[in-house]
Protein backbone atom coordinates (compact mmCIF):
# COMPACT_ATOMS: atom_id res chain seq x y z
CA UNK A 1 0.12 -0.07 0.36
CA UNK A 2 2.84 2.04 0.82
CA UNK A 3 4.50 2.30 -2.76
CA UNK A 4 0.99 3.05 -4.28
CA UNK A 5 0.83 5.84 -2.49
CA UNK A 6 4.56 7.25 -2.94
CA UNK A 7 3.79 6.65 -6.49
CA UNK A 8 0.81 8.99 -6.23
CA UNK A 9 2.18 11.49 -4.20
CA UNK A 10 5.26 11.86 -7.03
CA UNK A 11 2.54 11.54 -9.62
CA UNK A 12 0.84 14.52 -7.85
CA UNK A 13 3.76 16.25 -7.48
CA UNK A 14 5.02 15.75 -11.35
CA UNK A 15 1.15 17.44 -12.34
CA UNK A 16 1.99 20.29 -9.93
CA UNK A 17 5.12 20.79 -11.42
CA UNK A 18 3.64 20.43 -14.72
CA UNK A 19 0.83 22.33 -14.41
CA UNK A 20 2.50 25.17 -13.18
CA UNK A 21 5.33 25.82 -15.96
CA UNK A 22 2.54 25.25 -18.02
CA UNK A 23 0.57 28.42 -16.76
CA UNK A 24 3.87 30.25 -16.65
CA UNK A 25 4.16 29.81 -20.74
CA UNK A 26 0.51 30.69 -21.10
CA UNK A 27 1.04 33.67 -18.80
CA UNK A 28 4.13 35.37 -20.68
CA UNK A 29 2.23 35.08 -23.84
CA UNK A 30 -0.67 37.29 -22.59
CA UNK A 31 1.77 39.33 -21.04
CA UNK A 32 3.69 40.06 -24.26
CA UNK A 33 0.34 40.65 -25.63
CA UNK A 34 -0.48 43.03 -23.22
CA UNK A 35 3.00 44.61 -23.86
CA UNK A 36 2.76 44.51 -27.39
CA UNK A 37 -1.08 46.24 -27.26
CA UNK A 38 0.43 48.97 -24.73
CA UNK A 39 3.05 50.30 -27.32
CA UNK A 40 0.11 50.37 -29.72
CA UNK A 41 -1.55 52.95 -27.87
CA UNK A 42 1.76 54.77 -27.46
CA UNK A 43 2.32 53.38 -23.44
CA UNK A 44 6.05 53.02 -23.77
CA UNK A 45 5.91 53.08 -19.93
CA UNK A 46 3.35 50.49 -18.96
CA UNK A 47 4.56 48.56 -22.04
CA UNK A 48 8.41 48.29 -20.36
CA UNK A 49 6.82 47.42 -16.98
CA UNK A 50 5.30 43.75 -19.08
CA UNK A 51 8.22 43.53 -20.89
CA UNK A 52 10.28 43.49 -17.66
CA UNK A 53 8.09 40.90 -16.23
CA UNK A 54 8.55 38.54 -19.09
CA UNK A 55 12.32 39.10 -19.15
CA UNK A 56 12.37 38.05 -15.52
CA UNK A 57 10.32 34.78 -15.94
CA UNK A 58 11.84 33.98 -19.64
CA UNK A 59 15.58 35.95 -20.19
CA UNK A 60 16.70 33.91 -22.78
CA UNK A 61 13.37 35.14 -25.19
CA UNK A 62 14.70 37.49 -27.77
CA UNK A 63 11.70 39.27 -28.93
CA UNK A 64 10.96 41.03 -25.26
CA UNK A 65 14.01 42.85 -25.16
CA UNK A 66 13.43 43.89 -28.66
CA UNK A 67 10.05 45.33 -27.92
CA UNK A 68 11.53 47.14 -23.94
CA UNK A 69 14.55 48.50 -26.82
CA UNK A 70 11.65 50.10 -28.90
CA UNK A 71 9.54 51.41 -26.20
CA UNK A 72 12.68 52.92 -24.64
CA UNK A 73 13.43 54.70 -28.24
CA UNK A 74 10.23 55.87 -28.21
CA UNK A 75 10.76 57.36 -24.88
CA UNK A 76 14.04 59.23 -25.75
CA UNK A 77 15.90 56.62 -23.59
CA UNK A 78 18.42 56.34 -26.75
CA UNK A 79 21.31 54.39 -24.25
CA UNK A 80 19.07 51.79 -23.04
CA UNK A 81 17.37 50.95 -26.35
CA UNK A 82 20.66 50.32 -27.59
CA UNK A 83 21.41 47.35 -24.70
CA UNK A 84 18.30 46.23 -25.41
CA UNK A 85 18.60 45.50 -28.91
CA UNK A 86 21.66 44.37 -28.33
CA UNK A 87 20.87 42.13 -25.57
CA UNK A 88 17.81 40.76 -28.42
CA UNK A 89 20.43 40.27 -31.28
CA UNK A 90 22.70 38.38 -28.74
CA UNK A 91 19.90 35.89 -28.64
CA UNK A 92 18.60 35.91 -32.31
CA UNK A 93 21.06 37.64 -34.43
CA UNK A 94 18.59 37.31 -37.14
CA UNK A 95 16.25 39.84 -36.11
CA UNK A 96 16.70 42.39 -39.10
CA UNK A 97 13.90 44.99 -36.81
CA UNK A 98 16.06 44.56 -33.80
CA UNK A 99 19.09 46.16 -36.40
CA UNK A 100 16.81 48.61 -37.25
CA UNK A 101 16.17 49.70 -33.20
CA UNK A 102 20.05 49.57 -32.56
CA UNK A 103 20.85 51.66 -35.64
CA UNK A 104 17.93 53.96 -34.18
CA UNK A 105 19.58 54.60 -30.85
CA UNK A 106 22.92 55.31 -32.15
CA UNK A 107 21.60 57.19 -34.95
CA UNK A 108 20.46 59.46 -32.45
CA UNK A 109 23.07 59.10 -30.51
CA UNK A 110 24.92 60.31 -32.95
CA UNK A 111 27.38 57.24 -33.30
CA UNK A 112 26.66 57.77 -37.22
CA UNK A 113 28.92 55.02 -38.40
CA UNK A 114 28.13 52.59 -35.73
CA UNK A 115 23.98 53.19 -36.87
CA UNK A 116 25.55 52.62 -40.51
CA UNK A 117 26.72 48.99 -39.92
CA UNK A 118 23.16 48.43 -38.27
CA UNK A 119 21.24 49.45 -41.01
CA UNK A 120 23.15 47.94 -43.47
CA UNK A 121 23.04 44.43 -41.37
CA UNK A 122 19.55 44.66 -41.76
CA UNK A 123 19.00 44.94 -45.31
CA UNK A 124 21.39 42.15 -45.76
CA UNK A 125 18.02 40.29 -43.71
CA UNK A 126 15.41 42.73 -45.31
CA UNK A 127 16.70 44.10 -48.52
CA UNK A 128 13.13 45.80 -49.80
CA UNK A 129 13.08 47.93 -46.55
CA UNK A 130 12.76 51.98 -47.83
CA UNK A 131 13.54 52.94 -44.21
CA UNK A 132 16.58 50.91 -43.40
CA UNK A 133 17.94 52.26 -47.24
CA UNK A 134 16.87 55.52 -46.23
CA UNK A 135 18.76 55.68 -42.55
CA UNK A 136 21.49 53.71 -43.78
CA UNK A 137 22.03 56.75 -46.39
CA UNK A 138 21.25 59.58 -43.46
CA UNK A 139 23.56 57.85 -41.18
CA UNK A 140 26.57 57.59 -43.50
CA UNK A 141 26.05 61.05 -43.82
CA UNK A 142 26.12 62.02 -40.47
CA UNK A 143 29.15 60.49 -40.45
CA UNK A 144 30.30 63.15 -43.15
CA UNK A 145 31.00 59.90 -45.20
CA UNK A 146 29.83 61.97 -48.14
CA UNK A 147 30.73 59.31 -51.40
CA UNK A 148 29.53 56.36 -49.49
CA UNK A 149 26.05 58.21 -48.36
CA UNK A 150 25.90 59.39 -52.08
CA UNK A 151 26.35 56.00 -53.51
CA UNK A 152 23.42 54.73 -50.65
CA UNK A 153 21.20 57.39 -51.77
CA UNK A 154 21.58 56.70 -55.44
CA UNK A 155 20.66 52.78 -54.63
CA UNK A 156 17.75 53.46 -52.80
CA UNK A 157 16.39 55.69 -55.56
CA UNK A 158 17.16 52.72 -57.86
CA UNK A 159 15.36 50.54 -55.39
CA UNK A 160 12.36 52.88 -54.29
CA UNK A 161 11.59 54.90 -57.33
CA UNK A 162 8.19 56.20 -56.30
CA UNK A 163 9.48 57.32 -52.75
CA UNK A 164 10.35 61.32 -52.86
CA UNK A 165 11.71 61.16 -49.77
CA UNK A 166 14.87 59.10 -51.26
CA UNK A 167 15.32 62.03 -53.80
CA UNK A 168 15.39 64.67 -51.23
CA UNK A 169 17.84 62.93 -49.25
CA UNK A 170 19.81 62.22 -52.42
CA UNK A 171 19.24 66.23 -53.20
CA UNK A 172 20.63 66.96 -49.69
CA UNK A 173 24.34 64.95 -49.98
CA UNK A 174 24.37 66.32 -53.16
CA UNK A 175 24.42 70.11 -51.62
CA UNK A 176 26.56 69.09 -48.83
CA UNK A 177 28.39 67.72 -51.82
CA UNK A 178 28.27 71.12 -52.98
CA UNK A 179 26.79 69.55 -56.62
CA UNK A 180 24.25 72.09 -56.92
CA UNK A 181 23.65 70.95 -60.51
CA UNK A 182 22.92 67.36 -59.14
CA UNK A 183 20.78 68.44 -56.12
CA UNK A 184 18.78 70.64 -58.59
CA UNK A 185 18.39 66.96 -60.96
CA UNK A 186 17.27 65.22 -57.44
CA UNK A 187 14.91 67.69 -56.23
CA UNK A 188 13.16 67.50 -59.75
CA UNK A 189 12.52 64.09 -59.93
CA UNK A 190 11.23 64.17 -56.00
CA UNK A 191 9.02 67.22 -57.15
CA UNK A 192 7.53 65.05 -59.98
CA UNK A 193 6.37 62.86 -57.50
CA UNK A 194 5.71 65.04 -53.84
CA UNK A 195 5.04 68.79 -54.46
CA UNK A 196 3.33 69.06 -51.20
CA UNK A 197 6.54 68.63 -49.11
CA UNK A 198 8.38 71.83 -47.66
CA UNK A 199 12.13 69.81 -47.87
CA UNK A 200 12.67 70.69 -51.11
CA UNK A 201 12.05 73.97 -51.16
CA UNK A 202 14.32 74.39 -48.45
CA UNK A 203 16.50 73.14 -49.94
CA UNK A 204 16.13 75.15 -53.31
CA UNK A 205 16.15 78.47 -50.86
CA UNK A 206 20.10 77.65 -49.96
CA UNK A 207 21.04 76.88 -53.77
CA UNK A 208 19.25 80.56 -54.73
CA UNK A 209 20.99 82.44 -51.84
CA UNK A 210 24.12 80.67 -52.29
CA UNK A 211 23.99 82.13 -56.05
CA UNK A 212 23.12 85.41 -54.53
CA UNK A 213 19.48 84.96 -55.90
CA UNK A 214 18.24 86.64 -53.06
CA UNK A 215 14.88 86.73 -54.62
CA UNK A 216 14.98 83.52 -55.91
CA UNK A 217 15.72 82.38 -52.31
CA UNK A 218 12.88 84.61 -51.04
CA UNK A 219 10.23 83.06 -53.08
CA UNK A 220 11.14 79.26 -51.71
CA UNK A 221 11.04 80.32 -48.07
CA UNK A 222 7.71 81.36 -49.00
CA UNK A 223 6.94 77.87 -50.74
CA UNK A 224 8.31 75.83 -47.52
CA UNK A 225 6.38 78.19 -44.78
CA UNK A 226 3.54 77.64 -46.81
CA UNK A 227 3.82 73.62 -46.70
CA UNK A 228 5.34 73.55 -42.84
CA UNK A 229 4.05 76.90 -41.71
CA UNK A 230 5.65 76.27 -37.62
CA UNK A 231 9.26 75.44 -38.76
CA UNK A 232 11.59 78.48 -36.85
CA UNK A 233 14.17 77.93 -38.75
CA UNK A 234 12.07 79.32 -42.04
CA UNK A 235 11.66 82.58 -41.14
CA UNK A 236 14.87 82.77 -39.96
CA UNK A 237 16.40 81.86 -42.74
CA UNK A 238 13.60 84.18 -44.58
CA UNK A 239 14.84 86.98 -42.22
CA UNK A 240 18.20 86.49 -43.30
CA UNK A 241 17.20 86.62 -47.10
CA UNK A 242 14.73 89.64 -46.62
CA UNK A 243 17.64 91.32 -44.60
CA UNK A 244 20.18 90.74 -47.87
CA UNK A 245 17.08 92.53 -50.20
CA UNK A 246 17.07 95.21 -47.02
CA UNK A 247 13.62 94.43 -46.49
CA UNK A 248 13.83 95.04 -42.70
CA UNK A 249 10.62 95.78 -41.76
CA UNK A 250 9.86 91.76 -43.35
CA UNK A 251 13.22 90.57 -41.56
CA UNK A 252 11.48 91.73 -38.28
CA UNK A 253 8.22 90.31 -38.40
CA UNK A 254 9.99 86.58 -39.75
CA UNK A 255 12.31 87.05 -36.29
CA UNK A 256 9.04 88.55 -34.16
CA UNK A 257 7.11 84.83 -35.93
CA UNK A 258 10.11 82.40 -35.25
CA UNK A 259 10.20 83.67 -31.34
CA UNK A 260 6.69 83.27 -31.11
CA UNK A 261 7.00 79.68 -32.25
CA UNK A 262 10.55 79.17 -30.47
CA UNK A 263 10.73 82.05 -27.61
CA UNK A 264 14.01 80.58 -26.21
CA UNK A 265 15.41 80.27 -29.54
CA UNK A 266 18.92 82.45 -29.41
CA UNK A 267 19.79 82.69 -32.89
CA UNK A 268 16.41 83.98 -33.83
CA UNK A 269 16.71 86.97 -30.99
CA UNK A 270 20.47 87.41 -31.79
CA UNK A 271 19.63 88.16 -35.19
CA UNK A 272 16.72 90.26 -34.52
CA UNK A 273 18.67 92.25 -32.07
CA UNK A 274 21.82 92.85 -34.51
CA UNK A 275 18.63 94.05 -37.03
CA UNK A 276 17.34 96.84 -34.46
CA UNK A 277 20.98 98.04 -33.87
CA UNK A 278 21.06 98.44 -37.24
CA UNK A 279 17.25 100.86 -37.61
CA UNK A 280 18.26 102.33 -34.37
CA UNK A 281 16.22 100.45 -31.58
CA UNK A 282 19.15 100.74 -29.12
CA UNK A 283 17.07 99.75 -25.72
CA UNK A 284 14.56 97.00 -27.81
CA UNK A 285 18.64 95.48 -29.28
CA UNK A 286 19.87 95.55 -25.36
CA UNK A 287 17.10 93.31 -24.18
CA UNK A 288 16.99 90.74 -27.05
CA UNK A 289 21.07 90.84 -26.18
CA UNK A 290 20.49 90.50 -22.25
CA UNK A 291 18.35 87.41 -22.96
CA UNK A 292 20.66 85.84 -25.34
CA UNK A 293 23.22 85.90 -22.96
CA UNK A 294 21.28 84.50 -20.41
CA UNK A 295 20.56 81.54 -22.49
CA UNK A 296 23.94 80.97 -23.86
CA UNK A 297 26.45 82.32 -20.94
CA UNK A 298 29.46 81.39 -22.67
CA UNK A 299 28.56 83.13 -26.47
CA UNK A 300 31.06 85.79 -26.39
CA UNK A 301 29.29 87.47 -29.79
CA UNK A 302 26.62 88.24 -28.27
CA UNK A 303 28.27 89.04 -25.36
CA UNK A 304 30.54 92.03 -27.38
CA UNK A 305 27.26 93.00 -29.25
CA UNK A 306 25.86 93.65 -25.83
CA UNK A 307 28.67 95.82 -24.83
CA UNK A 308 28.52 97.60 -27.99
CA UNK A 309 24.83 98.30 -27.09
CA UNK A 310 25.59 99.46 -23.65
CA UNK A 311 28.10 102.09 -24.82
CA UNK A 312 25.95 103.39 -27.00
CA UNK A 313 23.19 103.86 -24.68
CA UNK A 314 25.61 105.39 -21.90
CA UNK A 315 25.59 102.48 -19.57
CA UNK A 316 29.53 102.52 -19.57
CA UNK A 317 29.82 100.48 -16.01
CA UNK A 318 28.06 97.51 -17.66
CA UNK A 319 30.22 97.66 -20.96
CA UNK A 320 33.10 97.39 -19.14
CA UNK A 321 31.56 94.43 -16.92
CA UNK A 322 30.98 92.70 -20.13
CA UNK A 323 34.41 93.31 -21.72
CA UNK A 324 36.17 92.27 -18.60
CA UNK A 325 34.32 88.77 -19.10
CA UNK A 326 35.32 89.15 -22.57
CA UNK A 327 38.57 89.33 -22.20
CA UNK A 328 38.66 86.82 -19.09
CA UNK A 329 37.54 83.98 -21.38
CA UNK A 330 39.81 85.81 -24.22
CA UNK A 331 42.53 87.88 -23.69
CA UNK A 332 44.22 87.58 -27.19
CA UNK A 333 41.20 88.93 -28.44
CA UNK A 334 42.41 92.71 -29.55
CA UNK A 335 39.09 94.36 -30.58
CA UNK A 336 38.21 93.80 -26.77
CA UNK A 337 41.16 96.10 -25.46
CA UNK A 338 40.65 98.72 -27.98
CA UNK A 339 36.38 98.63 -27.29
CA UNK A 340 37.06 98.97 -23.12
CA UNK A 341 39.89 102.02 -23.40
CA UNK A 342 36.94 103.68 -25.48
CA UNK A 343 34.86 103.45 -22.73
CA UNK A 344 36.94 103.95 -20.10
CA UNK A 345 38.36 107.23 -21.70
CA UNK A 346 34.03 107.91 -21.47
CA UNK A 347 34.45 107.73 -17.97
CA UNK A 348 36.44 109.95 -17.70
CA UNK A 349 39.70 106.83 -16.57
CA UNK A 350 42.61 108.41 -18.97
CA UNK A 351 45.20 105.92 -17.36
CA UNK A 352 43.23 102.70 -17.71
CA UNK A 353 41.62 103.77 -21.21
CA UNK A 354 45.84 104.28 -22.14
CA UNK A 355 46.20 101.02 -20.47
CA UNK A 356 43.94 99.00 -22.37
CA UNK A 357 45.19 100.81 -25.61
CA UNK A 358 48.91 100.46 -25.70
CA UNK A 359 48.48 96.78 -24.46
CA UNK A 360 46.54 95.98 -27.77
CA UNK A 361 48.56 97.65 -29.95
CA UNK A 362 51.98 95.87 -28.53
CA UNK A 363 49.98 92.76 -28.65
CA UNK A 364 48.51 93.23 -32.34
CA UNK A 365 52.67 93.66 -33.36
CA UNK A 366 53.68 90.26 -31.42
CA UNK A 367 55.96 92.82 -28.68
CA UNK A 368 53.50 91.24 -25.77
CA UNK A 369 52.08 88.10 -25.33
CA UNK A 370 48.14 87.75 -24.12
CA UNK A 371 47.93 86.76 -20.21
CA UNK A 372 46.29 83.34 -19.71
CA UNK A 373 42.26 83.41 -19.38
CA UNK A 374 41.44 84.69 -15.62
CA UNK A 375 37.73 82.70 -16.50
CA UNK A 376 37.23 79.34 -16.54
CA UNK A 377 36.74 77.97 -20.58
CA UNK A 378 35.17 74.54 -20.89
CA UNK A 379 35.21 74.46 -25.03
CA UNK A 380 38.03 73.22 -27.36
CA UNK A 381 40.36 75.24 -28.70
CA UNK A 382 38.44 74.56 -32.62
CA UNK A 383 35.23 76.48 -30.79
CA UNK A 384 38.04 79.45 -29.65
CA UNK A 385 38.80 80.51 -32.99
CA UNK A 386 34.81 80.33 -34.16
CA UNK A 387 34.12 82.62 -31.33
CA UNK A 388 36.85 84.78 -31.85
CA UNK A 389 36.02 84.75 -35.93
CA UNK A 390 32.22 85.85 -34.65
CA UNK A 391 33.79 88.81 -32.10
CA UNK A 392 35.78 89.93 -35.15
CA UNK A 393 32.28 89.86 -37.34
CA UNK A 394 30.21 90.98 -34.49
CA UNK A 395 27.97 93.86 -36.10
CA UNK A 396 27.12 91.70 -39.24
CA UNK A 397 24.00 89.50 -39.45
CA UNK A 398 25.44 86.65 -40.69
CA UNK A 399 26.98 83.41 -40.19
CA UNK A 400 30.04 82.70 -38.12
CA UNK A 401 31.36 80.40 -40.56
CA UNK A 402 31.37 83.97 -42.81
CA UNK A 403 28.92 82.75 -45.28
CA UNK A 404 26.15 83.14 -43.86
CA UNK A 405 24.27 79.77 -45.35
CA UNK A 406 21.17 78.87 -44.66
CA UNK A 407 19.50 75.42 -44.04
CA UNK A 408 18.83 72.97 -47.02
CA UNK A 409 16.16 70.44 -45.29
CA UNK A 410 15.30 69.82 -42.18
CA UNK A 411 14.00 66.34 -42.00
CA UNK A 412 14.03 66.21 -38.38
CA UNK A 413 13.70 68.14 -35.11
CA UNK A 414 17.49 69.03 -35.18
CA UNK A 415 18.07 71.73 -38.13
CA UNK A 416 20.93 74.02 -39.40
CA UNK A 417 19.98 77.20 -39.02
CA UNK A 418 21.93 80.47 -40.54
CA UNK A 419 22.72 83.11 -38.57
CA UNK A 420 25.26 84.95 -36.59
CA UNK A 421 26.01 81.75 -34.69
CA UNK A 422 25.19 79.05 -37.41
CA UNK A 423 24.85 75.54 -35.01
CA UNK A 424 26.60 72.02 -36.13
CA UNK A 425 23.67 70.24 -34.94
CA UNK A 426 22.48 67.25 -36.97
CA UNK A 427 19.65 67.76 -39.34
CA UNK A 428 19.03 63.68 -39.98
CA UNK A 429 16.73 62.45 -37.78
CA UNK A 430 15.69 58.68 -38.11
CA UNK A 431 11.85 58.41 -39.39
CA UNK A 432 9.21 56.65 -37.61
CA UNK A 433 8.88 53.06 -37.14
CA UNK A 434 5.78 51.04 -37.18
CA UNK A 435 5.56 47.72 -35.68
CA UNK A 436 4.60 44.69 -37.58
CA UNK A 437 2.82 41.80 -34.74
């Protein structure tokens, strides 16, 4: 009897273990479904919570890492998305969408070369995916590998000839390579498919601007704003073009509109300040410049323009404080000493004015060396040289890179903006992604 009881007990234990395991598997599938549905409703935090549960129970599965990576990507946690996509690929190296998500995460982290490797690997698995081909060309463009980017863009348009975005990206790359003829050809091909996109008109405005055809540039700016009226950088660039045409009222309206859209845009505010100086609104210029230096405390161009306005409005001590800051950061900047000398003379400090003047005179001729900075500076030397160039061209409403080139195309949230302080940011963002279940 006892052996029979022991056998029955063993059988019951086995059945309990088997039923518990089966329940766990069924529960895992249910939780995965809930997580995927949460992603479908864009409730990414809830989705991550459910995938965490699955990973804890079944850490060898690839899919929950992929979906969690996707959710993190949508939340802007690019480093977390990259880690999870890597964990997914360690479990399943043939999942194309995981390479795409990791590529997108690396793309947004500006690790463009690594992103390109991921996109290329994904294309080996799914060669007909438009977004993969598009992002491959875009990441090579971001990595400044323009020849490879051009080849990728050509392959993109050949494989997807009905996608206008491919032609516009190819035009962007051609424009960066300074091949305006090729850019115009690509734009024309794209516009034949889609004439309602703002991007090609932005590029055409850049081409016209570079050729000195400001009237043509203005017409293209009008078209891009008509198609996409909420982009502040379009108004900044149109304001710059109107400035070139001496349409100061229109330029002012554009900067005002840009600041309505993005109140804390230092580029628009700085350009508006310079325009106000030109039309004699010194008080308005002072207010704008004070806001710029608040937003960008290390923007020496804005500081110097502020010192000039403070001098012209009789705020001599404030001007000296501003110049002290500039020279503390950049003690080799000659114009700073000459300007401070002038302000000191206006204050009646003849001895101080003479000291500044003759020190600058000797520094300019190599008879003395510039002292070391007295204010800590975290910028690299290349940035410092750009700042000094901008300071030497402080009165000009143009780019710090000397030719005031406005941006060409804006395919994502970031944009290059033509102005007195051209910002070197990425102009090629990843597109939206779609899940397939």
